[in-house]
């Protein structure tokens, strides 16, 4: 079966956008790559991946220049074309902060699964840590667990957090050093992401789009 050139091209372009965002903000010379399954039906974008083991890849060192990284950012996407075989769509994605490149020492991770096989939100964040108050609550409701096992919803399928927002979090909270002008790079990429998501929403909800345009007299 021949490879689908649209998926290959769009996945490659998507990987290049990630590289541009990261290397203009919190990393130095890193390269995420796009890989395609042999039949061309699924693609993966990640760091230090190969065709035999496309998932989960490795953590991206958060460091500028030759400074040793203090933490690692995990960026991973599983990509397909949409139902019309035209536009790139994320089947699954993950962004996370870790202490090591092998993804040990998790601080937090944002996950998205387009078609989850469990009752948890399709888009959610999990945060590692201890919470005595949560332990108290668990005791009151008669369950066991820990903070990192809770799946906090974050915007659903269409409005989930973006990589641009994760980068902003890292810099603003002092978890990673930002390059000079990082804010402009984030804003540029955020505007692109916002428009892509808006167009996708319009394609899926054309009647709602028509109603909104009618309300503003377009």
N, C-alpha and C. Protein backbone atom coordinates (compact mmCIF):
# COMPACT_ATOMS: atom_id res chain seq x y z
N UNK A 1 0.86 -1.19 0.00
CA UNK A 1 0.00 0.00 0.00
C UNK A 1 0.89 1.24 0.00
N UNK A 2 0.70 2.17 -0.93
CA UNK A 2 1.56 3.36 -0.98
C UNK A 2 1.32 4.25 0.22
N UNK A 3 2.39 4.97 0.61
CA UNK A 3 2.28 5.91 1.72
C UNK A 3 1.37 7.07 1.33
N UNK A 4 0.71 7.62 2.33
CA UNK A 4 -0.17 8.76 2.08
C UNK A 4 0.67 10.03 2.19
N UNK A 5 0.93 10.69 1.08
CA UNK A 5 1.83 11.84 1.12
C UNK A 5 1.31 12.97 1.99
N UNK A 6 0.00 13.15 2.08
CA UNK A 6 -0.54 14.24 2.88
C UNK A 6 -0.21 14.06 4.36
N UNK A 7 -0.34 12.84 4.87
CA UNK A 7 -0.02 12.60 6.27
C UNK A 7 1.47 12.81 6.52
N UNK A 8 2.30 12.29 5.63
CA UNK A 8 3.74 12.47 5.79
C UNK A 8 4.10 13.96 5.80
N UNK A 9 3.60 14.70 4.84
CA UNK A 9 3.93 16.12 4.74
C UNK A 9 3.42 16.89 5.95
N UNK A 10 2.16 16.66 6.31
CA UNK A 10 1.59 17.42 7.42
C UNK A 10 2.25 17.06 8.75
N UNK A 11 2.57 15.78 8.95
CA UNK A 11 3.25 15.38 10.18
C UNK A 11 4.64 16.00 10.25
N UNK A 12 5.34 16.02 9.12
CA UNK A 12 6.67 16.64 9.08
C UNK A 12 6.57 18.14 9.38
N UNK A 13 5.61 18.82 8.77
CA UNK A 13 5.43 20.25 9.02
C UNK A 13 5.10 20.50 10.50
N UNK A 14 4.29 19.63 11.07
CA UNK A 14 3.92 19.77 12.47
C UNK A 14 5.15 19.62 13.37
N UNK A 15 6.00 18.65 13.06
CA UNK A 15 7.23 18.46 13.82
C UNK A 15 8.13 19.68 13.72
N UNK A 16 8.21 20.27 12.53
CA UNK A 16 9.04 21.46 12.35
C UNK A 16 8.51 22.63 13.16
N UNK A 17 7.22 22.74 13.29
CA UNK A 17 6.65 23.82 14.10
C UNK A 17 7.01 23.64 15.57
N UNK A 18 6.96 22.40 16.04
CA UNK A 18 7.36 22.13 17.42
C UNK A 18 8.82 22.49 17.64
N UNK A 19 9.67 22.10 16.70
CA UNK A 19 11.10 22.44 16.81
C UNK A 19 11.31 23.95 16.87
N UNK A 20 10.60 24.68 16.02
CA UNK A 20 10.75 26.13 16.01
C UNK A 20 10.31 26.75 17.33
N UNK A 21 9.16 26.29 17.84
CA UNK A 21 8.67 26.82 19.11
C UNK A 21 9.66 26.54 20.24
N UNK A 22 10.08 25.30 20.39
CA UNK A 22 10.95 24.94 21.51
C UNK A 22 12.31 25.61 21.44
N UNK A 23 12.90 25.64 20.24
CA UNK A 23 14.25 26.19 20.12
C UNK A 23 14.28 27.72 20.16
N UNK A 24 13.13 28.34 20.07
CA UNK A 24 13.04 29.79 20.25
C UNK A 24 12.62 30.17 21.67
N UNK A 25 12.41 29.15 22.50
CA UNK A 25 11.92 29.45 23.85
C UNK A 25 12.75 28.79 24.94
N UNK A 26 12.74 27.46 25.05
CA UNK A 26 13.32 26.81 26.23
C UNK A 26 14.33 25.72 25.93
N UNK A 27 14.67 25.48 24.66
CA UNK A 27 15.63 24.42 24.34
C UNK A 27 16.69 24.95 23.38
N UNK A 28 17.70 24.10 23.12
CA UNK A 28 18.81 24.51 22.25
C UNK A 28 19.09 23.40 21.24
N UNK A 29 18.71 23.61 20.00
CA UNK A 29 19.07 22.70 18.93
C UNK A 29 18.42 21.33 18.97
N UNK A 30 17.30 21.18 19.65
CA UNK A 30 16.65 19.87 19.68
C UNK A 30 15.85 19.65 18.41
N UNK A 31 15.62 18.39 18.09
CA UNK A 31 14.86 18.05 16.90
C UNK A 31 13.90 16.92 17.20
N UNK A 32 12.61 17.21 17.17
CA UNK A 32 11.62 16.14 17.18
C UNK A 32 11.41 15.71 15.74
N UNK A 33 11.04 14.46 15.55
CA UNK A 33 10.93 13.90 14.21
C UNK A 33 9.56 13.29 13.99
N UNK A 34 9.15 13.24 12.73
CA UNK A 34 7.91 12.59 12.34
C UNK A 34 8.23 11.23 11.73
N UNK A 35 7.56 10.19 12.22
CA UNK A 35 7.69 8.84 11.69
C UNK A 35 6.33 8.35 11.24
N UNK A 36 6.29 7.52 10.20
CA UNK A 36 5.04 6.95 9.73
C UNK A 36 5.08 5.44 9.80
N UNK A 37 3.94 4.86 10.16
CA UNK A 37 3.80 3.41 10.08
C UNK A 37 3.97 2.97 8.63
N UNK A 38 4.35 1.74 8.42
CA UNK A 38 4.66 1.26 7.08
C UNK A 38 3.53 1.49 6.09
N UNK A 39 2.27 1.32 6.54
CA UNK A 39 1.16 1.51 5.62
C UNK A 39 0.76 2.97 5.47
N UNK A 40 1.40 3.86 6.20
CA UNK A 40 1.14 5.28 6.07
C UNK A 40 -0.11 5.77 6.75
N UNK A 41 -0.78 4.91 7.54
CA UNK A 41 -2.04 5.32 8.13
C UNK A 41 -1.91 6.07 9.44
N UNK A 42 -0.78 5.93 10.12
CA UNK A 42 -0.56 6.56 11.42
C UNK A 42 0.84 7.16 11.44
N UNK A 43 0.97 8.34 12.03
CA UNK A 43 2.27 8.96 12.20
C UNK A 43 2.53 9.28 13.66
N UNK A 44 3.79 9.41 14.01
CA UNK A 44 4.18 9.79 15.36
C UNK A 44 5.17 10.93 15.29
N UNK A 45 5.04 11.86 16.21
CA UNK A 45 6.00 12.95 16.33
C UNK A 45 6.53 12.92 17.76
N UNK A 46 7.84 12.76 17.90
CA UNK A 46 8.44 12.70 19.23
C UNK A 46 9.93 12.92 19.16
N UNK A 47 10.58 12.81 20.31
CA UNK A 47 12.01 13.07 20.45
C UNK A 47 12.74 11.76 20.70
N UNK A 48 13.79 11.53 19.91
CA UNK A 48 14.61 10.33 19.99
C UNK A 48 13.76 9.06 19.87
N UNK A 49 12.98 9.01 18.83
CA UNK A 49 12.16 7.83 18.53
C UNK A 49 12.71 7.13 17.30
N UNK A 50 12.30 5.89 17.09
CA UNK A 50 12.64 5.19 15.85
C UNK A 50 11.43 4.40 15.40
N UNK A 51 11.50 3.88 14.19
CA UNK A 51 10.34 3.23 13.60
C UNK A 51 9.89 2.01 14.38
N UNK A 52 10.82 1.31 15.02
CA UNK A 52 10.45 0.12 15.79
C UNK A 52 9.84 0.48 17.13
N UNK A 53 10.28 1.61 17.68
CA UNK A 53 9.79 2.04 18.99
C UNK A 53 9.40 3.52 18.92
N UNK A 54 8.29 3.82 18.25
CA UNK A 54 7.91 5.23 18.08
C UNK A 54 7.37 5.88 19.34
N UNK A 55 7.04 5.07 20.36
CA UNK A 55 6.42 5.62 21.55
C UNK A 55 7.04 4.98 22.78
N UNK A 56 7.38 5.74 23.85
CA UNK A 56 7.07 7.16 24.06
C UNK A 56 8.21 8.12 23.71
N UNK A 57 9.36 7.61 23.26
CA UNK A 57 10.48 8.50 23.01
C UNK A 57 11.17 8.89 24.31
N UNK A 58 11.89 10.01 24.28
CA UNK A 58 12.65 10.47 25.44
C UNK A 58 12.27 11.89 25.80
N UNK A 59 12.69 12.30 26.99
CA UNK A 59 12.46 13.66 27.42
C UNK A 59 13.42 14.62 26.73
N UNK A 60 12.93 15.79 26.38
CA UNK A 60 13.74 16.83 25.73
C UNK A 60 14.45 17.65 26.80
N UNK A 61 15.77 17.78 26.73
CA UNK A 61 16.48 18.55 27.76
C UNK A 61 16.08 20.03 27.74
N UNK A 62 15.70 20.53 28.91
CA UNK A 62 15.36 21.94 29.05
C UNK A 62 16.61 22.70 29.48
N UNK A 63 17.34 23.18 28.49
CA UNK A 63 18.59 23.90 28.75
C UNK A 63 18.93 24.75 27.54
N UNK A 64 19.52 25.90 27.79
CA UNK A 64 19.98 26.78 26.72
C UNK A 64 21.50 26.68 26.62
N UNK A 65 22.01 26.70 25.40
CA UNK A 65 23.44 26.57 25.21
C UNK A 65 23.92 25.21 25.69
N UNK A 66 25.08 25.20 26.36
CA UNK A 66 25.65 23.93 26.83
C UNK A 66 25.41 23.69 28.31
N UNK A 67 24.51 24.41 28.88
CA UNK A 67 24.21 24.23 30.30
C UNK A 67 23.54 22.87 30.52
N UNK A 68 23.85 22.23 31.63
CA UNK A 68 23.20 20.94 31.91
C UNK A 68 21.71 21.13 32.18
N UNK A 69 20.87 20.25 31.64
CA UNK A 69 19.43 20.40 31.87
C UNK A 69 19.06 20.08 33.31
N UNK A 70 18.12 20.82 33.84
CA UNK A 70 17.60 20.56 35.18
C UNK A 70 16.33 19.73 35.13
N UNK A 71 15.70 19.68 33.99
CA UNK A 71 14.48 18.90 33.82
C UNK A 71 14.32 18.56 32.34
N UNK A 72 13.33 17.72 32.05
CA UNK A 72 13.12 17.24 30.68
C UNK A 72 11.63 17.33 30.34
N UNK A 73 11.36 17.80 29.13
CA UNK A 73 10.00 17.96 28.65
C UNK A 73 9.67 16.83 27.69
N UNK A 74 8.60 16.11 27.98
CA UNK A 74 8.16 15.05 27.08
C UNK A 74 7.10 15.59 26.14
N UNK A 75 7.29 15.39 24.85
CA UNK A 75 6.34 15.82 23.81
C UNK A 75 6.13 14.64 22.89
N UNK A 76 4.90 14.16 22.80
CA UNK A 76 4.62 13.00 21.96
C UNK A 76 3.24 13.12 21.35
N UNK A 77 3.13 12.85 20.05
CA UNK A 77 1.85 12.90 19.35
C UNK A 77 1.69 11.65 18.48
N UNK A 78 0.50 11.09 18.50
CA UNK A 78 0.10 10.07 17.53
C UNK A 78 -0.89 10.73 16.59
N UNK A 79 -0.59 10.70 15.29
CA UNK A 79 -1.33 11.52 14.32
C UNK A 79 -1.95 10.68 13.21
N UNK A 80 -3.13 11.11 12.77
CA UNK A 80 -3.80 10.50 11.62
C UNK A 80 -4.40 11.64 10.80
N UNK A 81 -4.95 11.29 9.63
CA UNK A 81 -5.76 12.24 8.88
C UNK A 81 -7.20 12.13 9.36
N UNK A 82 -7.95 13.21 9.25
CA UNK A 82 -9.33 13.21 9.72
C UNK A 82 -10.21 12.33 8.82
N UNK A 83 -11.50 12.32 9.13
CA UNK A 83 -12.42 11.45 8.41
C UNK A 83 -12.44 11.72 6.91
N UNK A 84 -12.19 12.97 6.53
CA UNK A 84 -12.17 13.32 5.10
C UNK A 84 -10.80 13.09 4.46
N UNK A 85 -9.84 12.60 5.26
CA UNK A 85 -8.48 12.34 4.77
C UNK A 85 -7.81 13.60 4.22
N UNK A 86 -8.04 14.72 4.94
CA UNK A 86 -7.47 15.99 4.49
C UNK A 86 -6.60 16.66 5.55
N UNK A 87 -7.06 16.65 6.79
CA UNK A 87 -6.40 17.45 7.82
C UNK A 87 -5.80 16.57 8.92
N UNK A 88 -4.67 17.02 9.42
CA UNK A 88 -3.98 16.31 10.48
C UNK A 88 -4.81 16.34 11.77
N UNK A 89 -4.90 15.19 12.43
CA UNK A 89 -5.67 15.07 13.66
C UNK A 89 -4.88 14.27 14.68
N UNK A 90 -4.91 14.71 15.93
CA UNK A 90 -4.22 14.00 17.00
C UNK A 90 -5.10 12.88 17.53
N UNK A 91 -4.65 11.64 17.41
CA UNK A 91 -5.32 10.53 18.06
C UNK A 91 -4.94 10.46 19.53
N UNK A 92 -3.72 10.88 19.83
CA UNK A 92 -3.23 10.85 21.20
C UNK A 92 -2.07 11.84 21.31
N UNK A 93 -1.94 12.47 22.46
CA UNK A 93 -0.81 13.37 22.68
C UNK A 93 -0.48 13.40 24.16
N UNK A 94 0.76 13.77 24.45
CA UNK A 94 1.21 13.84 25.84
C UNK A 94 2.28 14.91 25.97
N UNK A 95 2.13 15.75 26.98
CA UNK A 95 3.15 16.72 27.37
C UNK A 95 3.42 16.49 28.86
N UNK A 96 4.69 16.42 29.24
CA UNK A 96 4.98 16.19 30.65
C UNK A 96 6.33 16.74 31.05
N UNK A 97 6.49 16.98 32.33
CA UNK A 97 7.75 17.45 32.90
C UNK A 97 8.33 16.35 33.78
N UNK A 98 9.60 16.01 33.53
CA UNK A 98 10.25 14.91 34.23
C UNK A 98 11.65 15.32 34.69
N UNK A 99 12.16 14.58 35.66
CA UNK A 99 13.50 14.86 36.17
C UNK A 99 14.59 14.21 35.33
N UNK A 100 14.24 13.20 34.54
CA UNK A 100 15.24 12.47 33.76
C UNK A 100 14.76 12.23 32.34
N UNK A 101 15.72 12.03 31.43
CA UNK A 101 15.39 11.83 30.03
C UNK A 101 14.61 10.55 29.79
N UNK A 102 14.77 9.56 30.67
CA UNK A 102 14.04 8.31 30.50
C UNK A 102 12.62 8.38 31.04
N UNK A 103 12.17 9.58 31.36
CA UNK A 103 10.81 9.87 31.83
C UNK A 103 10.54 9.31 33.23
N UNK A 104 11.60 9.17 34.01
CA UNK A 104 11.42 8.87 35.43
C UNK A 104 11.39 10.19 36.19
N UNK A 105 10.85 10.16 37.39
CA UNK A 105 10.74 11.40 38.17
C UNK A 105 9.71 12.35 37.60
N UNK A 106 8.47 11.88 37.45
CA UNK A 106 7.41 12.70 36.85
C UNK A 106 6.98 13.83 37.80
N UNK A 107 6.85 15.03 37.26
CA UNK A 107 6.29 16.17 38.00
C UNK A 107 4.81 16.31 37.65
N UNK A 108 4.52 16.37 36.36
CA UNK A 108 3.13 16.40 35.89
C UNK A 108 3.11 15.93 34.44
N UNK A 109 1.94 15.53 33.98
CA UNK A 109 1.79 15.24 32.55
C UNK A 109 0.36 15.50 32.10
N UNK A 110 0.25 16.11 30.93
CA UNK A 110 -1.02 16.35 30.26
C UNK A 110 -1.19 15.27 29.20
N UNK A 111 -2.35 14.63 29.20
CA UNK A 111 -2.60 13.57 28.22
C UNK A 111 -3.91 13.81 27.50
N UNK A 112 -3.93 13.39 26.25
CA UNK A 112 -5.15 13.46 25.45
C UNK A 112 -5.28 12.16 24.67
N UNK A 113 -6.44 11.53 24.76
CA UNK A 113 -6.75 10.33 23.98
C UNK A 113 -8.09 10.57 23.30
N UNK A 114 -8.08 10.55 22.00
CA UNK A 114 -9.28 10.91 21.24
C UNK A 114 -10.44 9.97 21.54
N UNK A 115 -10.14 8.68 21.66
CA UNK A 115 -11.19 7.70 21.94
C UNK A 115 -10.77 6.86 23.15
N UNK A 116 -10.90 7.41 24.35
CA UNK A 116 -10.45 6.68 25.54
C UNK A 116 -11.28 5.43 25.78
N UNK A 117 -10.63 4.39 26.30
CA UNK A 117 -11.34 3.15 26.62
C UNK A 117 -11.59 3.05 28.12
N UNK A 118 -11.66 4.21 28.78
CA UNK A 118 -11.92 4.27 30.21
C UNK A 118 -12.81 5.49 30.48
N UNK A 119 -13.33 5.63 31.71
CA UNK A 119 -14.25 6.74 31.98
C UNK A 119 -13.58 8.08 32.25
N UNK A 120 -12.26 8.17 32.18
CA UNK A 120 -11.57 9.41 32.50
C UNK A 120 -11.73 10.42 31.36
N UNK A 121 -11.57 11.73 31.66
CA UNK A 121 -11.70 12.74 30.60
C UNK A 121 -10.70 12.50 29.47
N UNK A 122 -11.15 12.74 28.24
CA UNK A 122 -10.27 12.55 27.09
C UNK A 122 -9.01 13.39 27.20
N UNK A 123 -9.15 14.62 27.71
CA UNK A 123 -8.01 15.50 27.96
C UNK A 123 -7.93 15.74 29.46
N UNK A 124 -6.77 15.45 30.05
CA UNK A 124 -6.64 15.58 31.49
C UNK A 124 -5.20 15.85 31.89
N UNK A 125 -5.01 16.31 33.11
CA UNK A 125 -3.68 16.52 33.67
C UNK A 125 -3.58 15.73 34.96
N UNK A 126 -2.40 15.16 35.19
CA UNK A 126 -2.11 14.45 36.44
C UNK A 126 -0.85 15.07 37.05
N UNK A 127 -0.92 15.32 38.35
CA UNK A 127 0.16 16.00 39.05
C UNK A 127 0.67 15.11 40.17
N UNK A 128 1.95 14.82 40.17
CA UNK A 128 2.53 14.01 41.23
C UNK A 128 2.76 14.85 42.47
N UNK A 129 2.63 14.24 43.65
CA UNK A 129 2.87 14.98 44.88
C UNK A 129 2.06 14.41 46.02
N UNK A 130 2.23 15.01 47.18
CA UNK A 130 1.51 14.60 48.38
C UNK A 130 0.54 15.68 48.78
N UNK A 131 -0.62 15.27 49.27
CA UNK A 131 -1.64 16.19 49.75
C UNK A 131 -2.31 15.61 50.98
N UNK A 132 -1.92 16.05 52.16
CA UNK A 132 -2.59 15.55 53.36
C UNK A 132 -4.09 15.80 53.34
N UNK A 133 -4.51 16.93 52.79
CA UNK A 133 -5.94 17.22 52.73
C UNK A 133 -6.66 16.22 51.82
N UNK A 134 -6.01 15.86 50.70
CA UNK A 134 -6.62 14.86 49.82
C UNK A 134 -6.68 13.51 50.52
N UNK A 135 -5.63 13.16 51.26
CA UNK A 135 -5.65 11.91 52.01
C UNK A 135 -6.83 11.89 52.99
N UNK A 136 -7.06 13.04 53.61
CA UNK A 136 -8.19 13.14 54.53
C UNK A 136 -9.51 12.94 53.79
N UNK A 137 -9.64 13.56 52.65
CA UNK A 137 -10.87 13.42 51.86
C UNK A 137 -11.07 11.97 51.42
N UNK A 138 -9.99 11.33 50.95
CA UNK A 138 -10.10 9.93 50.55
C UNK A 138 -10.61 9.08 51.71
N UNK A 139 -10.10 9.37 52.89
CA UNK A 139 -10.56 8.63 54.05
C UNK A 139 -12.04 8.84 54.32
N UNK A 140 -12.51 10.05 54.13
CA UNK A 140 -13.92 10.35 54.38
C UNK A 140 -14.85 9.65 53.39
N UNK A 141 -14.38 9.52 52.13
CA UNK A 141 -15.25 8.92 51.11
C UNK A 141 -14.99 7.42 50.96
N UNK A 142 -14.05 6.91 51.73
CA UNK A 142 -13.81 5.48 51.73
C UNK A 142 -13.06 4.95 50.54
N UNK A 143 -12.11 5.71 50.04
CA UNK A 143 -11.30 5.21 48.93
C UNK A 143 -9.83 5.42 49.24
N UNK A 144 -8.98 4.75 48.50
CA UNK A 144 -7.55 4.90 48.64
C UNK A 144 -6.99 5.51 47.38
N UNK A 145 -5.75 5.94 47.41
CA UNK A 145 -5.11 6.52 46.23
C UNK A 145 -4.19 7.65 46.60
N UNK A 146 -3.75 8.34 45.59
CA UNK A 146 -2.84 9.47 45.79
C UNK A 146 -3.14 10.54 44.76
N UNK A 147 -2.54 11.71 44.95
CA UNK A 147 -2.81 12.84 44.08
C UNK A 147 -2.55 12.52 42.61
N UNK A 148 -1.45 11.85 42.33
CA UNK A 148 -1.07 11.58 40.94
C UNK A 148 -2.00 10.67 40.19
N UNK A 149 -2.95 10.03 40.90
CA UNK A 149 -3.89 9.15 40.23
C UNK A 149 -5.16 9.86 39.78
N UNK A 150 -5.33 11.12 40.19
CA UNK A 150 -6.51 11.86 39.79
C UNK A 150 -6.33 12.46 38.40
N UNK A 151 -7.37 12.36 37.57
CA UNK A 151 -7.34 12.86 36.20
C UNK A 151 -8.18 14.15 36.15
N UNK A 152 -7.52 15.29 36.21
CA UNK A 152 -8.24 16.57 36.20
C UNK A 152 -8.56 16.97 34.76
N UNK A 153 -9.84 17.21 34.43
CA UNK A 153 -10.20 17.58 33.06
C UNK A 153 -9.63 18.94 32.68
N UNK A 154 -9.22 19.05 31.41
CA UNK A 154 -8.61 20.30 30.93
C UNK A 154 -9.10 20.64 29.52
N UNK A 155 -10.37 20.99 29.41
CA UNK A 155 -10.84 21.59 28.17
C UNK A 155 -11.44 20.67 27.14
N UNK A 156 -11.38 19.37 27.34
CA UNK A 156 -12.01 18.47 26.38
C UNK A 156 -11.24 18.31 25.09
N UNK A 157 -11.90 17.68 24.13
CA UNK A 157 -11.24 17.31 22.87
C UNK A 157 -10.75 18.53 22.09
N UNK A 158 -11.55 19.58 22.03
CA UNK A 158 -11.22 20.69 21.16
C UNK A 158 -10.38 21.77 21.84
N UNK A 159 -10.60 21.99 23.12
CA UNK A 159 -9.99 23.15 23.77
C UNK A 159 -8.98 22.76 24.85
N UNK A 160 -8.33 21.65 24.66
CA UNK A 160 -7.31 21.20 25.59
C UNK A 160 -6.09 22.11 25.55
N UNK A 161 -5.26 22.10 26.61
CA UNK A 161 -4.07 22.97 26.64
C UNK A 161 -3.11 22.67 25.49
N UNK A 162 -2.41 23.70 25.06
CA UNK A 162 -1.47 23.58 23.96
C UNK A 162 -0.04 23.55 24.48
N UNK A 163 0.88 23.14 23.62
CA UNK A 163 2.30 23.15 23.99
C UNK A 163 2.76 24.56 24.31
N UNK A 164 2.21 25.55 23.62
CA UNK A 164 2.56 26.94 23.90
C UNK A 164 2.25 27.32 25.35
N UNK A 165 1.13 26.83 25.85
CA UNK A 165 0.77 27.12 27.24
C UNK A 165 1.69 26.40 28.22
N UNK A 166 2.12 25.19 27.87
CA UNK A 166 3.06 24.46 28.73
C UNK A 166 4.39 25.20 28.80
N UNK A 167 4.87 25.67 27.65
CA UNK A 167 6.11 26.45 27.62
C UNK A 167 5.98 27.69 28.50
N UNK A 168 4.88 28.39 28.39
CA UNK A 168 4.64 29.57 29.21
C UNK A 168 4.68 29.22 30.69
N UNK A 169 4.03 28.14 31.06
CA UNK A 169 4.05 27.68 32.45
C UNK A 169 5.48 27.45 32.93
N UNK A 170 6.28 26.77 32.13
CA UNK A 170 7.65 26.44 32.54
C UNK A 170 8.47 27.70 32.79
N UNK A 171 8.34 28.68 31.92
CA UNK A 171 9.16 29.89 32.06
C UNK A 171 8.63 30.78 33.18
N UNK A 172 7.34 31.04 33.20
CA UNK A 172 6.75 31.94 34.19
C UNK A 172 6.95 31.41 35.61
N UNK A 173 6.85 30.10 35.78
CA UNK A 173 7.01 29.51 37.11
C UNK A 173 8.46 29.23 37.47
N UNK A 174 9.39 29.60 36.60
CA UNK A 174 10.81 29.43 36.91
C UNK A 174 11.30 28.00 36.84
N UNK A 175 10.58 27.15 36.10
CA UNK A 175 10.99 25.75 35.96
C UNK A 175 11.92 25.53 34.78
N UNK A 176 12.01 26.50 33.89
CA UNK A 176 12.91 26.45 32.75
C UNK A 176 13.30 27.88 32.39
N UNK A 177 14.48 28.02 31.84
CA UNK A 177 14.95 29.34 31.41
C UNK A 177 14.43 29.64 30.01
N UNK A 178 13.93 30.83 29.82
CA UNK A 178 13.42 31.22 28.51
C UNK A 178 14.40 32.09 27.76
N UNK A 179 14.47 31.90 26.46
CA UNK A 179 15.32 32.75 25.63
C UNK A 179 14.76 34.17 25.58
N UNK A 180 15.63 35.10 25.25
CA UNK A 180 15.15 36.45 25.01
C UNK A 180 14.16 36.44 23.85
N UNK A 181 13.01 37.03 24.06
CA UNK A 181 11.98 37.06 23.04
C UNK A 181 11.09 35.84 23.01
N UNK A 182 11.16 35.02 24.05
CA UNK A 182 10.35 33.79 24.06
C UNK A 182 8.86 34.10 24.00
N UNK A 183 8.46 35.23 24.60
CA UNK A 183 7.03 35.56 24.60
C UNK A 183 6.51 35.74 23.18
N UNK A 184 7.29 36.38 22.31
CA UNK A 184 6.87 36.58 20.93
C UNK A 184 6.73 35.28 20.18
N UNK A 185 7.67 34.35 20.42
CA UNK A 185 7.59 33.05 19.76
C UNK A 185 6.34 32.29 20.20
N UNK A 186 6.06 32.33 21.50
CA UNK A 186 4.86 31.66 22.01
C UNK A 186 3.61 32.27 21.40
N UNK A 187 3.54 33.59 21.34
CA UNK A 187 2.36 34.25 20.80
C UNK A 187 2.17 33.91 19.32
N UNK A 188 3.26 33.88 18.57
CA UNK A 188 3.18 33.55 17.15
C UNK A 188 2.62 32.14 16.95
N UNK A 189 3.17 31.19 17.70
CA UNK A 189 2.71 29.81 17.55
C UNK A 189 1.32 29.61 18.13
N UNK A 190 1.00 30.31 19.20
CA UNK A 190 -0.33 30.20 19.78
C UNK A 190 -1.40 30.68 18.81
N UNK A 191 -1.11 31.76 18.10
CA UNK A 191 -2.07 32.28 17.12
C UNK A 191 -2.33 31.24 16.04
N UNK A 192 -1.27 30.56 15.58
CA UNK A 192 -1.44 29.52 14.57
C UNK A 192 -2.29 28.38 15.13
N UNK A 193 -1.99 27.92 16.33
CA UNK A 193 -2.73 26.82 16.96
C UNK A 193 -4.20 27.21 17.14
N UNK A 194 -4.44 28.42 17.61
CA UNK A 194 -5.81 28.87 17.84
C UNK A 194 -6.62 28.85 16.55
N UNK A 195 -6.03 29.30 15.45
CA UNK A 195 -6.74 29.33 14.18
C UNK A 195 -7.01 27.92 13.66
N UNK A 196 -6.04 27.02 13.84
CA UNK A 196 -6.24 25.63 13.41
C UNK A 196 -7.39 25.00 14.16
N UNK A 197 -7.42 25.20 15.48
CA UNK A 197 -8.49 24.62 16.29
C UNK A 197 -9.84 25.25 15.96
N UNK A 198 -9.83 26.57 15.71
CA UNK A 198 -11.08 27.24 15.36
C UNK A 198 -11.64 26.72 14.04
N UNK A 199 -10.77 26.56 13.05
CA UNK A 199 -11.21 26.04 11.76
C UNK A 199 -11.76 24.62 11.90
N UNK A 200 -11.09 23.81 12.72
CA UNK A 200 -11.55 22.44 12.93
C UNK A 200 -12.92 22.44 13.59
N UNK A 201 -13.11 23.34 14.57
CA UNK A 201 -14.41 23.43 15.24
C UNK A 201 -15.50 23.85 14.27
N UNK A 202 -15.20 24.78 13.38
CA UNK A 202 -16.18 25.24 12.39
C UNK A 202 -16.55 24.11 11.43
N UNK A 203 -15.55 23.32 11.02
CA UNK A 203 -15.84 22.21 10.11
C UNK A 203 -16.77 21.19 10.76
N UNK A 204 -16.62 20.99 12.07
CA UNK A 204 -17.44 20.00 12.78
C UNK A 204 -18.79 20.58 13.20
N UNK A 205 -18.88 21.88 13.35
CA UNK A 205 -20.12 22.52 13.80
C UNK A 205 -20.48 23.70 12.88
N UNK A 206 -20.74 23.44 11.58
CA UNK A 206 -21.00 24.54 10.65
C UNK A 206 -22.26 25.33 11.00
N UNK A 207 -23.28 24.67 11.55
CA UNK A 207 -24.50 25.39 11.89
C UNK A 207 -24.25 26.39 13.02
N UNK A 208 -23.46 26.00 14.00
CA UNK A 208 -23.11 26.92 15.08
C UNK A 208 -22.30 28.10 14.53
N UNK A 209 -21.42 27.85 13.56
CA UNK A 209 -20.64 28.92 12.95
C UNK A 209 -21.55 29.89 12.19
N UNK A 210 -22.52 29.33 11.47
CA UNK A 210 -23.45 30.19 10.74
C UNK A 210 -24.27 31.05 11.70
N UNK A 211 -24.70 30.47 12.82
CA UNK A 211 -25.46 31.23 13.80
C UNK A 211 -24.63 32.37 14.39
N UNK A 212 -23.35 32.08 14.68
CA UNK A 212 -22.49 33.11 15.25
C UNK A 212 -22.25 34.24 14.26
N UNK A 213 -22.05 33.91 12.97
CA UNK A 213 -21.85 34.92 11.95
C UNK A 213 -23.10 35.75 11.75
N UNK A 214 -24.27 35.10 11.83
CA UNK A 214 -25.54 35.84 11.68
C UNK A 214 -25.71 36.85 12.81
N UNK A 215 -25.26 36.48 14.00
CA UNK A 215 -25.41 37.37 15.16
C UNK A 215 -24.57 38.64 15.03
N UNK A 216 -23.43 38.52 14.31
CA UNK A 216 -22.59 39.72 14.14
C UNK A 216 -22.82 40.37 12.79
N UNK A 217 -23.82 39.89 12.05
CA UNK A 217 -24.19 40.54 10.80
C UNK A 217 -23.32 40.22 9.62
N UNK A 218 -22.61 39.09 9.64
CA UNK A 218 -21.75 38.71 8.52
C UNK A 218 -22.55 37.91 7.48
